[in-house]
Amino acid sequence: MTLIGRTRARGIETLTLDSPHNRNALSAALVGELASCLADCAKEDAVRAIVLTHTGNTFSAGADLKDPPDPAALVGLLRQIVELGKPVVARVTGHVRAGGLGLLAACDIAVASTESTFAFTEVRIGLAPAVISLTLLPRTDPRALARHYLTGERFDAAEAARTGLVTTAGDDVDAVLEPILDGLRRAAPEALAETKQLLTARVLETFDRDAAHLTALSARLFASPHAREGMTAFLERRDPSWLV
């Protein structure tokens, strides 16, 4: 079963997360297939930029609790997007949760519809947004991130844009994207690659410094009693035992 759709138009390769049975959750299979598609795009001179989008009403529901990716594989995917020598643009017309927000933050530009919603739900199931912090901490407002990390509250596209999680939001996401994609098509490929390196240097420093620690933290938390209770409660659609 193919989990990533692919189309190309005038130098823009669109990769579409297409795993409706789990709301595009980051399963081991989806992470692996997306990494493979990105590697293919990196080799294609005809690809000027990549748009990462989704089917259904959810960009990504976060890690697939029934088939979670290895933390190292998720780190590899996020770094691959950041290091890719072509711009990656997220197109979001639905909801984004937990690990999906790390994917969003890895992209160079992110555009969301005003109907999109966002939430870091990890703390509500006994986890922490560990690995995804590699892309989120260098690129988003720290005070806002503290609130949303610690509470798991849902927030809207205007807040996501204000805090730097997304670049911009609008009622018609494709109308917002049009001048962005036009600009990328007009840019020299070598210039885009060099400019992206300038923009991602600080993010890659975070990977070099923190990836091993955050990967270990993620693995430890997934194996913890709190996580087992939290994930069981989530799957059984009940409140966890720690609710007060």
C-alpha atoms as a PDB file:
ATOM      1  CA  MET A   1       0.000   0.000   0.000  1.00  0.00           C
ATOM      2  CA  THR A   2       1.379   3.393  -1.022  1.00  0.00           C
ATOM      3  CA  LEU A   3       1.207   5.980   1.763  1.00  0.00           C
ATOM      4  CA  ILE A   4       2.687   8.925  -0.154  1.00  0.00           C
ATOM      5  CA  GLY A   5       1.115  10.339  -3.301  1.00  0.00           C
ATOM      6  CA  ARG A   6       3.370  12.075  -5.834  1.00  0.00           C
ATOM      7  CA  THR A   7       2.623  14.612  -8.550  1.00  0.00           C
ATOM      8  CA  ARG A   8       4.758  17.212 -10.354  1.00  0.00           C
ATOM      9  CA  ALA A   9       3.878  20.501 -12.034  1.00  0.00           C
ATOM     10  CA  ARG A  10       6.369  23.081 -13.355  1.00  0.00           C
ATOM     11  CA  GLY A  11       9.208  21.981 -11.123  1.00  0.00           C
ATOM     12  CA  ILE A  12       7.158  21.580  -7.942  1.00  0.00           C
ATOM     13  CA  GLU A  13       6.945  18.021  -6.625  1.00  0.00           C
ATOM     14  CA  THR A  14       3.939  17.493  -4.355  1.00  0.00           C
ATOM     15  CA  LEU A  15       4.217  14.710  -1.781  1.00  0.00           C
ATOM     16  CA  THR A  16       0.857  13.892  -0.217  1.00  0.00           C
ATOM     17  CA  LEU A  17       0.547  12.035   3.077  1.00  0.00           C
ATOM     18  CA  ASP A  18      -2.176   9.504   2.278  1.00  0.00           C
ATOM     19  CA  SER A  19      -2.792   7.215   5.241  1.00  0.00           C
ATOM     20  CA  PRO A  20      -6.474   7.873   6.024  1.00  0.00           C
ATOM     21  CA  HIS A  21      -6.950   4.889   8.333  1.00  0.00           C
ATOM     22  CA  ASN A  22      -4.830   6.567  11.031  1.00  0.00           C
ATOM     23  CA  ARG A  23      -5.177  10.244  10.054  1.00  0.00           C
ATOM     24  CA  ASN A  24      -1.706  10.331   8.503  1.00  0.00           C
ATOM     25  CA  ALA A  25      -0.067   9.307  11.758  1.00  0.00           C
ATOM     26  CA  LEU A  26       3.703   8.854  11.634  1.00  0.00           C
ATOM     27  CA  SER A  27       3.927   5.090  11.415  1.00  0.00           C
ATOM     28  CA  ALA A  28       7.184   3.301  10.744  1.00  0.00           C
ATOM     29  CA  ALA A  29       5.968   2.632   7.199  1.00  0.00           C
ATOM     30  CA  LEU A  30       4.965   6.223   6.455  1.00  0.00           C
ATOM     31  CA  VAL A  31       8.222   7.639   7.842  1.00  0.00           C
ATOM     32  CA  GLY A  32      10.224   5.213   5.721  1.00  0.00           C
ATOM     33  CA  GLU A  33       8.268   5.875   2.539  1.00  0.00           C
ATOM     34  CA  LEU A  34       8.404   9.656   2.969  1.00  0.00           C
ATOM     35  CA  ALA A  35      12.170   9.486   3.511  1.00  0.00           C
ATOM     36  CA  SER A  36      12.509   7.469   0.305  1.00  0.00           C
ATOM     37  CA  CYS A  37      10.415   9.959  -1.702  1.00  0.00           C
ATOM     38  CA  LEU A  38      12.464  12.885  -0.403  1.00  0.00           C
ATOM     39  CA  ALA A  39      15.682  11.110  -1.350  1.00  0.00           C
ATOM     40  CA  ASP A  40      14.330  10.645  -4.875  1.00  0.00           C
ATOM     41  CA  CYS A  41      13.432  14.343  -5.104  1.00  0.00           C
ATOM     42  CA  ALA A  42      16.904  15.351  -3.951  1.00  0.00           C
ATOM     43  CA  LYS A  43      18.400  13.592  -6.995  1.00  0.00           C
ATOM     44  CA  GLU A  44      15.999  15.118  -9.538  1.00  0.00           C
ATOM     45  CA  ASP A  45      17.309  18.261 -11.233  1.00  0.00           C
ATOM     46  CA  ALA A  46      13.798  18.881 -12.559  1.00  0.00           C
ATOM     47  CA  VAL A  47      12.477  19.332  -9.012  1.00  0.00           C
ATOM     48  CA  ARG A  48      12.888  22.944  -7.890  1.00  0.00           C
ATOM     49  CA  ALA A  49      10.953  22.610  -4.616  1.00  0.00           C
ATOM     50  CA  ILE A  50       8.732  20.179  -2.734  1.00  0.00           C
ATOM     51  CA  VAL A  51       5.243  20.737  -1.342  1.00  0.00           C
ATOM     52  CA  LEU A  52       4.322  18.443   1.548  1.00  0.00           C
ATOM     53  CA  THR A  53       0.553  18.141   1.998  1.00  0.00           C
ATOM     54  CA  HIS A  54      -2.095  15.605   2.988  1.00  0.00           C
ATOM     55  CA  THR A  55      -5.389  13.936   2.240  1.00  0.00           C
ATOM     56  CA  GLY A  56      -8.330  14.187   4.635  1.00  0.00           C
ATOM     57  CA  ASN A  57      -8.841  16.673   7.433  1.00  0.00           C
ATOM     58  CA  THR A  58      -5.570  15.940   9.273  1.00  0.00           C
ATOM     59  CA  PHE A  59      -2.046  16.782   8.133  1.00  0.00           C
ATOM     60  CA  SER A  60      -0.707  14.343  10.713  1.00  0.00           C
ATOM     61  CA  ALA A  61      -2.059  13.039  14.007  1.00  0.00           C
ATOM     62  CA  GLY A  62       1.457  12.513  15.389  1.00  0.00           C
ATOM     63  CA  ALA A  63       3.194   9.220  16.092  1.00  0.00           C
ATOM     64  CA  ASP A  64       1.214   6.079  15.312  1.00  0.00           C
ATOM     65  CA  LEU A  65       0.778   4.533  18.753  1.00  0.00           C
ATOM     66  CA  LYS A  66       0.144   1.096  17.246  1.00  0.00           C
ATOM     67  CA  ASP A  67       3.153   1.187  14.916  1.00  0.00           C
ATOM     68  CA  PRO A  68       5.452   3.975  16.125  1.00  0.00           C
ATOM     69  CA  PRO A  69       8.587   4.769  14.153  1.00  0.00           C
ATOM     70  CA  ASP A  70      11.955   4.179  15.721  1.00  0.00           C
ATOM     71  CA  PRO A  71      12.970   7.525  17.293  1.00  0.00           C
ATOM     72  CA  ALA A  72      16.211   7.458  15.301  1.00  0.00           C
ATOM     73  CA  ALA A  73      14.210   7.069  12.069  1.00  0.00           C
ATOM     74  CA  LEU A  74      12.090  10.095  12.937  1.00  0.00           C
ATOM     75  CA  VAL A  75      15.220  12.102  13.729  1.00  0.00           C
ATOM     76  CA  GLY A  76      16.606  11.031  10.370  1.00  0.00           C
ATOM     77  CA  LEU A  77      13.478  12.141   8.520  1.00  0.00           C
ATOM     78  CA  LEU A  78      13.402  15.550  10.202  1.00  0.00           C
ATOM     79  CA  ARG A  79      17.090  16.111   9.485  1.00  0.00           C
ATOM     80  CA  GLN A  80      16.623  14.971   5.896  1.00  0.00           C
ATOM     81  CA  ILE A  81      14.005  17.693   5.333  1.00  0.00           C
ATOM     82  CA  VAL A  82      16.186  20.336   6.957  1.00  0.00           C
ATOM     83  CA  GLU A  83      19.310  19.296   5.010  1.00  0.00           C
ATOM     84  CA  LEU A  84      17.615  18.729   1.652  1.00  0.00           C
ATOM     85  CA  GLY A  85      19.115  21.032  -0.979  1.00  0.00           C
ATOM     86  CA  LYS A  86      15.665  22.105  -2.155  1.00  0.00           C
ATOM     87  CA  PRO A  87      13.010  24.115  -0.292  1.00  0.00           C
ATOM     88  CA  VAL A  88      10.250  22.080   1.341  1.00  0.00           C
ATOM     89  CA  VAL A  89       6.904  23.860   1.730  1.00  0.00           C
ATOM     90  CA  ALA A  90       4.150  22.499   3.976  1.00  0.00           C
ATOM     91  CA  ARG A  91       0.555  22.939   2.793  1.00  0.00           C
ATOM     92  CA  VAL A  92      -1.860  22.345   5.674  1.00  0.00           C
ATOM     93  CA  THR A  93      -5.639  22.377   5.317  1.00  0.00           C
ATOM     94  CA  GLY A  94      -6.464  20.365   8.417  1.00  0.00           C
ATOM     95  CA  HIS A  95      -5.348  19.499  11.912  1.00  0.00           C
ATOM     96  CA  VAL A  96      -1.818  18.842  13.160  1.00  0.00           C
ATOM     97  CA  ARG A  97      -0.998  17.082  16.399  1.00  0.00           C
ATOM     98  CA  ALA A  98       2.126  16.109  18.371  1.00  0.00           C
ATOM     99  CA  GLY A  99       4.798  14.602  16.112  1.00  0.00           C
ATOM    100  CA  GLY A 100       3.155  16.110  13.059  1.00  0.00           C
ATOM    101  CA  LEU A 101       4.203  19.512  14.364  1.00  0.00           C
ATOM    102  CA  GLY A 102       7.848  18.483  14.246  1.00  0.00           C
ATOM    103  CA  LEU A 103       7.374  17.557  10.604  1.00  0.00           C
ATOM    104  CA  LEU A 104       5.761  20.944   9.990  1.00  0.00           C
ATOM    105  CA  ALA A 105       8.604  22.806  11.696  1.00  0.00           C
ATOM    106  CA  ALA A 106      11.206  20.937   9.644  1.00  0.00           C
ATOM    107  CA  CYS A 107       9.813  22.513   6.474  1.00  0.00           C
ATOM    108  CA  ASP A 108      11.321  25.785   5.242  1.00  0.00           C
ATOM    109  CA  ILE A 109       7.946  27.443   4.662  1.00  0.00           C
ATOM    110  CA  ALA A 110       4.582  26.377   6.082  1.00  0.00           C
ATOM    111  CA  VAL A 111       1.179  27.656   4.985  1.00  0.00           C
ATOM    112  CA  ALA A 112      -2.016  26.714   6.806  1.00  0.00           C
ATOM    113  CA  SER A 113      -5.698  27.320   6.260  1.00  0.00           C
ATOM    114  CA  THR A 114      -7.550  29.342   8.873  1.00  0.00           C
ATOM    115  CA  GLU A 115      -9.550  26.212   9.731  1.00  0.00           C
ATOM    116  CA  SER A 116      -6.439  24.289  10.797  1.00  0.00           C
ATOM    117  CA  THR A 117      -5.829  23.508  14.470  1.00  0.00           C
ATOM    118  CA  PHE A 118      -2.704  22.486  16.325  1.00  0.00           C
ATOM    119  CA  ALA A 119      -1.827  20.821  19.649  1.00  0.00           C
ATOM    120  CA  PHE A 120       1.157  19.284  21.411  1.00  0.00           C
ATOM    121  CA  THR A 121      -0.749  16.404  23.000  1.00  0.00           C
ATOM    122  CA  GLU A 122       2.259  14.432  24.275  1.00  0.00           C
ATOM    123  CA  VAL A 123       1.932  15.443  27.945  1.00  0.00           C
ATOM    124  CA  ARG A 124      -1.659  14.206  27.955  1.00  0.00           C
ATOM    125  CA  ILE A 125      -0.532  10.654  27.219  1.00  0.00           C
ATOM    126  CA  GLY A 126       2.512  10.603  29.489  1.00  0.00           C
ATOM    127  CA  LEU A 127       5.138  11.637  26.934  1.00  0.00           C
ATOM    128  CA  ALA A 128       7.151  14.742  26.052  1.00  0.00           C
ATOM    129  CA  PRO A 129       7.706  16.409  22.654  1.00  0.00           C
ATOM    130  CA  ALA A 130      11.303  15.206  22.666  1.00  0.00           C
ATOM    131  CA  VAL A 131      12.559  14.422  19.152  1.00  0.00           C
ATOM    132  CA  ILE A 132      10.374  17.055  17.492  1.00  0.00           C
ATOM    133  CA  SER A 133      12.017  19.725  19.651  1.00  0.00           C
ATOM    134  CA  LEU A 134      14.988  19.477  17.289  1.00  0.00           C
ATOM    135  CA  THR A 135      13.047  21.471  14.700  1.00  0.00           C
ATOM    136  CA  LEU A 136      10.636  23.334  16.971  1.00  0.00           C
ATOM    137  CA  LEU A 137      12.904  24.937  19.582  1.00  0.00           C
ATOM    138  CA  PRO A 138      15.117  26.843  17.093  1.00  0.00           C
ATOM    139  CA  ARG A 139      12.178  28.152  15.046  1.00  0.00           C
ATOM    140  CA  THR A 140       9.297  29.065  17.343  1.00  0.00           C
ATOM    141  CA  ASP A 141       8.574  31.589  20.080  1.00  0.00           C
ATOM    142  CA  PRO A 142       9.873  30.090  23.355  1.00  0.00           C
ATOM    143  CA  ARG A 143       7.209  31.526  25.663  1.00  0.00           C
ATOM    144  CA  ALA A 144       4.367  30.371  23.455  1.00  0.00           C
ATOM    145  CA  LEU A 145       6.011  26.985  23.006  1.00  0.00           C
ATOM    146  CA  ALA A 146       6.292  26.582  26.787  1.00  0.00           C
ATOM    147  CA  ARG A 147       2.558  27.108  27.185  1.00  0.00           C
ATOM    148  CA  HIS A 148       1.577  24.757  24.392  1.00  0.00           C
ATOM    149  CA  TYR A 149       4.115  22.035  25.320  1.00  0.00           C
ATOM    150  CA  LEU A 150       3.052  22.032  28.988  1.00  0.00           C
ATOM    151  CA  THR A 151      -0.729  22.240  28.615  1.00  0.00           C
ATOM    152  CA  GLY A 152      -1.485  20.341  25.409  1.00  0.00           C
ATOM    153  CA  GLU A 153      -4.076  22.986  24.558  1.00  0.00           C
ATOM    154  CA  ARG A 154      -5.478  23.228  21.066  1.00  0.00           C
ATOM    155  CA  PHE A 155      -4.673  26.485  19.235  1.00  0.00           C
ATOM    156  CA  ASP A 156      -5.593  28.003  15.901  1.00  0.00           C
ATOM    157  CA  ALA A 157      -3.745  28.997  12.734  1.00  0.00           C
ATOM    158  CA  ALA A 158      -3.452  32.641  13.781  1.00  0.00           C
ATOM    159  CA  GLU A 159      -1.570  31.606  16.929  1.00  0.00           C
ATOM    160  CA  ALA A 160       0.554  29.183  14.909  1.00  0.00           C
ATOM    161  CA  ALA A 161       1.552  32.021  12.573  1.00  0.00           C
ATOM    162  CA  ARG A 162       2.169  34.470  15.428  1.00  0.00           C
ATOM    163  CA  THR A 163       4.557  32.058  17.145  1.00  0.00           C
ATOM    164  CA  GLY A 164       6.462  31.046  13.997  1.00  0.00           C
ATOM    165  CA  LEU A 165       5.141  27.508  13.793  1.00  0.00           C
ATOM    166  CA  VAL A 166       3.736  28.344  10.367  1.00  0.00           C
ATOM    167  CA  THR A 167       4.813  31.088   7.985  1.00  0.00           C
ATOM    168  CA  THR A 168       1.349  32.398   7.230  1.00  0.00           C
ATOM    169  CA  ALA A 169      -2.315  31.382   7.209  1.00  0.00           C
ATOM    170  CA  GLY A 170      -5.258  32.233   5.006  1.00  0.00           C
ATOM    171  CA  ASP A 171      -8.773  31.212   4.076  1.00  0.00           C
ATOM    172  CA  ASP A 172      -7.607  29.918   0.673  1.00  0.00           C
ATOM    173  CA  VAL A 173      -4.323  28.137   1.263  1.00  0.00           C
ATOM    174  CA  ASP A 174      -3.626  27.692  -2.452  1.00  0.00           C
ATOM    175  CA  ALA A 175      -4.062  31.414  -3.104  1.00  0.00           C
ATOM    176  CA  VAL A 176      -1.543  32.081  -0.325  1.00  0.00           C
ATOM    177  CA  LEU A 177       0.844  29.515  -1.803  1.00  0.00           C
ATOM    178  CA  GLU A 178       0.685  30.844  -5.354  1.00  0.00           C
ATOM    179  CA  PRO A 179       3.175  33.740  -5.005  1.00  0.00           C
ATOM    180  CA  ILE A 180       5.451  31.591  -2.828  1.00  0.00           C
ATOM    181  CA  LEU A 181       5.695  28.844  -5.427  1.00  0.00           C
ATOM    182  CA  ASP A 182       6.074  31.427  -8.191  1.00  0.00           C
ATOM    183  CA  GLY A 183       9.026  32.902  -6.308  1.00  0.00           C
ATOM    184  CA  LEU A 184      10.648  29.494  -5.921  1.00  0.00           C
ATOM    185  CA  ARG A 185      10.244  28.766  -9.626  1.00  0.00           C
ATOM    186  CA  ARG A 186      11.991  32.061 -10.459  1.00  0.00           C
ATOM    187  CA  ALA A 187      14.959  31.335  -8.175  1.00  0.00           C
ATOM    188  CA  ALA A 188      18.183  29.692  -9.390  1.00  0.00           C
ATOM    189  CA  PRO A 189      18.494  26.129  -7.998  1.00  0.00           C
ATOM    190  CA  GLU A 190      22.064  26.652  -6.717  1.00  0.00           C
ATOM    191  CA  ALA A 191      21.062  29.909  -5.056  1.00  0.00           C
ATOM    192  CA  LEU A 192      18.129  28.200  -3.342  1.00  0.00           C
ATOM    193  CA  ALA A 193      20.393  25.475  -1.992  1.00  0.00           C
ATOM    194  CA  GLU A 194      22.983  27.932  -0.649  1.00  0.00           C
ATOM    195  CA  THR A 195      20.329  30.201   0.842  1.00  0.00           C
ATOM    196  CA  LYS A 196      18.655  27.275   2.556  1.00  0.00           C
ATOM    197  CA  GLN A 197      22.005  26.350   4.144  1.00  0.00           C
ATOM    198  CA  LEU A 198      22.210  29.846   5.621  1.00  0.00           C
ATOM    199  CA  LEU A 199      18.720  29.518   7.070  1.00  0.00           C
ATOM    200  CA  THR A 200      19.087  26.032   8.520  1.00  0.00           C
ATOM    201  CA  ALA A 201      22.543  26.284  10.090  1.00  0.00           C
ATOM    202  CA  ARG A 202      21.188  26.914  13.604  1.00  0.00           C
ATOM    203  CA  VAL A 203      18.660  24.095  13.308  1.00  0.00           C
ATOM    204  CA  LEU A 204      21.390  21.641  12.286  1.00  0.00           C
ATOM    205  CA  GLU A 205      23.509  22.755  15.236  1.00  0.00           C
ATOM    206  CA  THR A 206      20.617  21.675  17.456  1.00  0.00           C
ATOM    207  CA  PHE A 207      20.579  18.261  15.781  1.00  0.00           C
ATOM    208  CA  ASP A 208      24.330  17.854  16.268  1.00  0.00           C
ATOM    209  CA  ARG A 209      24.133  18.828  19.918  1.00  0.00           C
ATOM    210  CA  ASP A 210      20.862  17.268  21.100  1.00  0.00           C
ATOM    211  CA  ALA A 211      19.725  14.462  18.778  1.00  0.00           C
ATOM    212  CA  ALA A 212      21.268  11.584  20.740  1.00  0.00           C
ATOM    213  CA  HIS A 213      19.927  12.836  24.078  1.00  0.00           C
ATOM    214  CA  LEU A 214      16.407  13.490  22.769  1.00  0.00           C
ATOM    215  CA  THR A 215      16.270  10.149  20.961  1.00  0.00           C
ATOM    216  CA  ALA A 216      17.142   8.371  24.213  1.00  0.00           C
ATOM    217  CA  LEU A 217      14.600  10.460  26.127  1.00  0.00           C
ATOM    218  CA  SER A 218      11.874   9.574  23.636  1.00  0.00           C
ATOM    219  CA  ALA A 219      12.630   5.861  23.873  1.00  0.00           C
ATOM    220  CA  ARG A 220      12.689   5.984  27.681  1.00  0.00           C
ATOM    221  CA  LEU A 221       9.377   7.810  27.925  1.00  0.00           C
ATOM    222  CA  PHE A 222       7.626   5.495  25.462  1.00  0.00           C
ATOM    223  CA  ALA A 223       8.611   2.568  27.714  1.00  0.00           C
ATOM    224  CA  SER A 224       7.482   4.259  30.948  1.00  0.00           C
ATOM    225  CA  PRO A 225       4.436   3.263  33.055  1.00  0.00           C
ATOM    226  CA  HIS A 226       2.919   6.721  32.551  1.00  0.00           C
ATOM    227  CA  ALA A 227       3.099   6.354  28.790  1.00  0.00           C
ATOM    228  CA  ARG A 228       1.554   2.883  28.905  1.00  0.00           C
ATOM    229  CA  GLU A 229      -1.337   4.256  30.959  1.00  0.00           C
ATOM    230  CA  GLY A 230      -1.677   7.348  28.784  1.00  0.00           C
ATOM    231  CA  MET A 231      -1.659   5.468  25.492  1.00  0.00           C
ATOM    232  CA  THR A 232      -4.051   2.827  26.822  1.00  0.00           C
ATOM    233  CA  ALA A 233      -6.429   5.530  28.025  1.00  0.00           C
ATOM    234  CA  PHE A 234      -6.227   7.269  24.657  1.00  0.00           C
ATOM    235  CA  LEU A 235      -6.971   4.081  22.722  1.00  0.00           C
ATOM    236  CA  GLU A 236      -9.806   3.193  25.128  1.00  0.00           C
ATOM    237  CA  ARG A 237     -11.182   6.751  24.872  1.00  0.00           C
ATOM    238  CA  ARG A 238     -11.100   7.339  28.628  1.00  0.00           C
ATOM    239  CA  ASP A 239      -9.360   9.760  30.985  1.00  0.00           C
ATOM    240  CA  PRO A 240      -5.921   8.708  32.268  1.00  0.00           C
ATOM    241  CA  SER A 241      -5.522   7.800  35.935  1.00  0.00           C
ATOM    242  CA  TRP A 242      -3.650  11.028  36.771  1.00  0.00           C
ATOM    243  CA  LEU A 243      -6.508  13.378  35.888  1.00  0.00           C
ATOM    244  CA  VAL A 244      -7.417  15.565  38.903  1.00  0.00           C
END
